[in-house]
Amino acid sequence: MSSWLKCSLEPGMLPGEYAAETRTSDGRIISLFVPEDMVRADDRMIFVHVLKEDSGTSLVRLPSPAFEVSSQTVRVPTSAVVKT
């Protein structure tokens, strides 16, 4: 399911990208670079696909791998996901 994930955003290192940072469901902070066409900068959200939801957490596929976990799939609090 296509959705948006709340996060903090900063301009990226290259034109056309943002640096995003968010928390996983276990409280770790992860960061990634996101193409600007997958960002709602005014709302501070990035585009994600929800793969699974259960007990207050959502498994999401990020637009690019997070540096800290070297993966595009992470578990985040469901409260941070805005469904489209």
N, C-alpha and C. Protein backbone atom coordinates (compact mmCIF):
# COMPACT_ATOMS: atom_id res chain seq x y z
N MET A 1 0.84 -1.16 0.00
CA MET A 1 0.00 0.00 0.00
C MET A 1 0.90 1.24 0.00
N SER A 2 0.66 2.15 -0.91
CA SER A 2 1.43 3.39 -0.99
C SER A 2 1.03 4.31 0.15
N SER A 3 2.03 4.87 0.82
CA SER A 3 1.80 5.74 1.97
C SER A 3 2.93 6.75 2.08
N TRP A 4 2.86 7.57 3.10
CA TRP A 4 3.88 8.58 3.39
C TRP A 4 4.38 8.37 4.81
N LEU A 5 5.68 8.58 5.01
CA LEU A 5 6.30 8.40 6.32
C LEU A 5 6.79 9.75 6.83
N LYS A 6 6.37 10.11 8.04
CA LYS A 6 6.81 11.36 8.66
C LYS A 6 8.30 11.26 9.00
N CYS A 7 9.03 12.35 8.75
CA CYS A 7 10.46 12.35 9.01
C CYS A 7 10.97 13.79 9.07
N SER A 8 12.24 13.94 9.38
CA SER A 8 12.87 15.25 9.26
C SER A 8 13.59 15.28 7.92
N LEU A 9 13.62 16.44 7.29
CA LEU A 9 14.21 16.58 5.96
C LEU A 9 15.20 17.73 5.92
N GLU A 10 16.25 17.54 5.17
CA GLU A 10 17.26 18.57 4.89
C GLU A 10 17.61 18.45 3.42
N PRO A 11 18.15 19.51 2.82
CA PRO A 11 18.63 19.37 1.44
C PRO A 11 19.70 18.29 1.37
N GLY A 12 19.71 17.53 0.30
CA GLY A 12 20.70 16.47 0.12
C GLY A 12 22.03 17.01 -0.37
N MET A 13 22.96 16.11 -0.59
CA MET A 13 24.28 16.50 -1.07
C MET A 13 24.26 16.86 -2.56
N LEU A 14 23.32 16.28 -3.30
CA LEU A 14 23.22 16.51 -4.74
C LEU A 14 21.92 17.23 -5.06
N PRO A 15 21.88 17.94 -6.19
CA PRO A 15 20.62 18.56 -6.61
C PRO A 15 19.56 17.47 -6.83
N GLY A 16 18.33 17.77 -6.49
CA GLY A 16 17.25 16.82 -6.72
C GLY A 16 17.08 15.76 -5.67
N GLU A 17 17.71 15.92 -4.51
CA GLU A 17 17.54 14.93 -3.45
C GLU A 17 17.42 15.61 -2.09
N TYR A 18 16.87 14.86 -1.15
CA TYR A 18 16.77 15.29 0.24
C TYR A 18 17.44 14.25 1.13
N ALA A 19 17.93 14.70 2.26
CA ALA A 19 18.40 13.80 3.31
C ALA A 19 17.25 13.67 4.30
N ALA A 20 16.81 12.44 4.55
CA ALA A 20 15.69 12.19 5.46
C ALA A 20 16.19 11.42 6.67
N GLU A 21 15.53 11.67 7.81
CA GLU A 21 15.86 10.97 9.04
C GLU A 21 14.55 10.65 9.76
N THR A 22 14.45 9.42 10.26
CA THR A 22 13.25 9.00 10.99
C THR A 22 13.63 7.95 12.02
N ARG A 23 12.69 7.59 12.87
CA ARG A 23 12.92 6.57 13.91
C ARG A 23 12.25 5.27 13.53
N THR A 24 12.93 4.19 13.86
CA THR A 24 12.33 2.87 13.68
C THR A 24 11.44 2.57 14.88
N SER A 25 10.72 1.48 14.81
CA SER A 25 9.81 1.12 15.91
C SER A 25 10.57 0.77 17.18
N ASP A 26 11.85 0.40 17.07
CA ASP A 26 12.64 0.12 18.29
C ASP A 26 13.46 1.34 18.75
N GLY A 27 13.17 2.51 18.18
CA GLY A 27 13.77 3.76 18.66
C GLY A 27 15.07 4.18 17.99
N ARG A 28 15.60 3.36 17.08
CA ARG A 28 16.83 3.75 16.37
C ARG A 28 16.54 4.83 15.35
N ILE A 29 17.48 5.73 15.16
CA ILE A 29 17.37 6.75 14.13
C ILE A 29 18.05 6.22 12.88
N ILE A 30 17.35 6.33 11.75
CA ILE A 30 17.93 5.93 10.47
C ILE A 30 17.90 7.13 9.53
N SER A 31 18.81 7.11 8.55
CA SER A 31 18.87 8.21 7.60
C SER A 31 19.09 7.66 6.19
N LEU A 32 18.64 8.42 5.21
CA LEU A 32 18.75 8.02 3.82
C LEU A 32 18.62 9.22 2.92
N PHE A 33 19.08 9.09 1.69
CA PHE A 33 18.85 10.11 0.67
C PHE A 33 17.64 9.70 -0.14
N VAL A 34 16.78 10.69 -0.45
CA VAL A 34 15.52 10.42 -1.14
C VAL A 34 15.40 11.36 -2.34
N PRO A 35 15.07 10.84 -3.53
CA PRO A 35 14.85 11.71 -4.68
C PRO A 35 13.70 12.68 -4.39
N GLU A 36 13.83 13.90 -4.87
CA GLU A 36 12.84 14.92 -4.54
C GLU A 36 11.43 14.59 -5.02
N ASP A 37 11.29 13.73 -6.04
CA ASP A 37 9.95 13.38 -6.50
C ASP A 37 9.25 12.39 -5.56
N MET A 38 9.95 11.93 -4.53
CA MET A 38 9.36 11.03 -3.53
C MET A 38 9.26 11.71 -2.17
N VAL A 39 9.25 13.05 -2.20
CA VAL A 39 9.24 13.84 -0.96
C VAL A 39 8.10 14.85 -1.01
N ARG A 40 7.41 14.98 0.11
CA ARG A 40 6.47 16.09 0.32
C ARG A 40 7.13 16.98 1.36
N ALA A 41 7.98 17.89 0.88
CA ALA A 41 8.82 18.70 1.77
C ALA A 41 8.00 19.55 2.73
N ASP A 42 6.93 20.16 2.25
CA ASP A 42 6.11 21.02 3.11
C ASP A 42 5.47 20.23 4.25
N ASP A 43 5.19 18.95 4.02
CA ASP A 43 4.57 18.10 5.04
C ASP A 43 5.60 17.26 5.80
N ARG A 44 6.88 17.34 5.37
CA ARG A 44 7.98 16.60 6.00
C ARG A 44 7.71 15.08 5.98
N MET A 45 7.45 14.57 4.75
CA MET A 45 7.16 13.15 4.58
C MET A 45 7.85 12.62 3.33
N ILE A 46 8.15 11.31 3.36
CA ILE A 46 8.69 10.62 2.19
C ILE A 46 7.75 9.49 1.80
N PHE A 47 7.77 9.15 0.52
CA PHE A 47 6.91 8.10 -0.03
C PHE A 47 7.46 6.73 0.36
N VAL A 48 6.59 5.86 0.85
CA VAL A 48 6.97 4.49 1.20
C VAL A 48 5.87 3.53 0.77
N HIS A 49 6.19 2.25 0.75
CA HIS A 49 5.19 1.20 0.54
C HIS A 49 5.07 0.42 1.85
N VAL A 50 3.86 0.31 2.36
CA VAL A 50 3.62 -0.49 3.56
C VAL A 50 3.49 -1.94 3.13
N LEU A 51 4.35 -2.78 3.67
CA LEU A 51 4.35 -4.20 3.33
C LEU A 51 3.52 -5.02 4.30
N LYS A 52 3.51 -4.60 5.58
CA LYS A 52 2.79 -5.35 6.61
C LYS A 52 2.57 -4.44 7.82
N GLU A 53 1.43 -4.62 8.48
CA GLU A 53 1.12 -3.89 9.72
C GLU A 53 0.73 -4.88 10.79
N ASP A 54 1.23 -4.65 12.02
CA ASP A 54 0.78 -5.44 13.16
C ASP A 54 1.18 -4.76 14.46
N SER A 55 0.32 -4.83 15.42
CA SER A 55 0.50 -4.31 16.79
C SER A 55 1.28 -3.00 16.89
N GLY A 56 0.79 -1.99 16.18
CA GLY A 56 1.36 -0.65 16.32
C GLY A 56 2.62 -0.39 15.52
N THR A 57 3.05 -1.37 14.71
CA THR A 57 4.22 -1.15 13.86
C THR A 57 3.87 -1.47 12.41
N SER A 58 4.63 -0.87 11.51
CA SER A 58 4.46 -1.12 10.08
C SER A 58 5.81 -1.45 9.47
N LEU A 59 5.83 -2.48 8.66
CA LEU A 59 7.02 -2.81 7.89
C LEU A 59 6.89 -2.05 6.58
N VAL A 60 7.85 -1.15 6.29
CA VAL A 60 7.76 -0.33 5.09
C VAL A 60 8.99 -0.53 4.22
N ARG A 61 8.79 -0.31 2.91
CA ARG A 61 9.90 -0.28 1.98
C ARG A 61 10.20 1.18 1.67
N LEU A 62 11.41 1.60 2.00
CA LEU A 62 11.86 2.97 1.79
C LEU A 62 12.24 3.19 0.33
N PRO A 63 12.32 4.46 -0.11
CA PRO A 63 12.72 4.74 -1.49
C PRO A 63 14.17 4.39 -1.79
N SER A 64 15.01 4.30 -0.77
CA SER A 64 16.41 3.91 -0.93
C SER A 64 16.87 3.30 0.40
N PRO A 65 17.98 2.57 0.38
CA PRO A 65 18.44 1.93 1.63
C PRO A 65 18.83 2.94 2.70
N ALA A 66 18.49 2.63 3.93
CA ALA A 66 18.93 3.45 5.07
C ALA A 66 20.38 3.09 5.39
N PHE A 67 21.19 4.08 5.67
CA PHE A 67 22.61 3.85 5.92
C PHE A 67 22.88 2.94 7.11
N GLU A 68 22.14 3.11 8.17
CA GLU A 68 22.41 2.40 9.42
C GLU A 68 22.06 0.91 9.37
N VAL A 69 21.15 0.54 8.48
CA VAL A 69 20.73 -0.86 8.43
C VAL A 69 21.00 -1.50 7.07
N SER A 70 21.50 -0.75 6.11
CA SER A 70 21.81 -1.25 4.77
C SER A 70 20.64 -2.03 4.17
N SER A 71 19.45 -1.50 4.35
CA SER A 71 18.25 -2.16 3.86
C SER A 71 17.20 -1.13 3.48
N GLN A 72 16.33 -1.50 2.54
CA GLN A 72 15.21 -0.64 2.20
C GLN A 72 13.98 -0.96 3.01
N THR A 73 13.98 -2.05 3.75
CA THR A 73 12.82 -2.39 4.57
C THR A 73 13.14 -2.19 6.04
N VAL A 74 12.26 -1.47 6.71
CA VAL A 74 12.42 -1.20 8.15
C VAL A 74 11.05 -1.23 8.80
N ARG A 75 11.04 -1.45 10.09
CA ARG A 75 9.80 -1.42 10.87
C ARG A 75 9.74 -0.07 11.58
N VAL A 76 8.61 0.64 11.38
CA VAL A 76 8.41 1.97 11.96
C VAL A 76 7.10 1.98 12.74
N PRO A 77 6.93 2.97 13.64
CA PRO A 77 5.64 3.07 14.32
C PRO A 77 4.54 3.38 13.32
N THR A 78 3.43 2.70 13.43
CA THR A 78 2.31 2.95 12.53
C THR A 78 1.82 4.39 12.63
N SER A 79 2.00 5.00 13.79
CA SER A 79 1.59 6.41 13.97
C SER A 79 2.39 7.37 13.08
N ALA A 80 3.54 6.93 12.56
CA ALA A 80 4.36 7.78 11.69
C ALA A 80 3.99 7.63 10.22
N VAL A 81 3.06 6.72 9.92
CA VAL A 81 2.67 6.45 8.53
C VAL A 81 1.34 7.13 8.23
N VAL A 82 1.31 7.86 7.12
CA VAL A 82 0.09 8.52 6.67
C VAL A 82 -0.34 7.83 5.38
N LYS A 83 -1.49 7.19 5.42
CA LYS A 83 -1.97 6.44 4.25
C LYS A 83 -2.57 7.38 3.22
N THR A 84 -2.39 7.01 1.94
CA THR A 84 -2.93 7.84 0.86
C THR A 84 -4.27 7.34 0.41
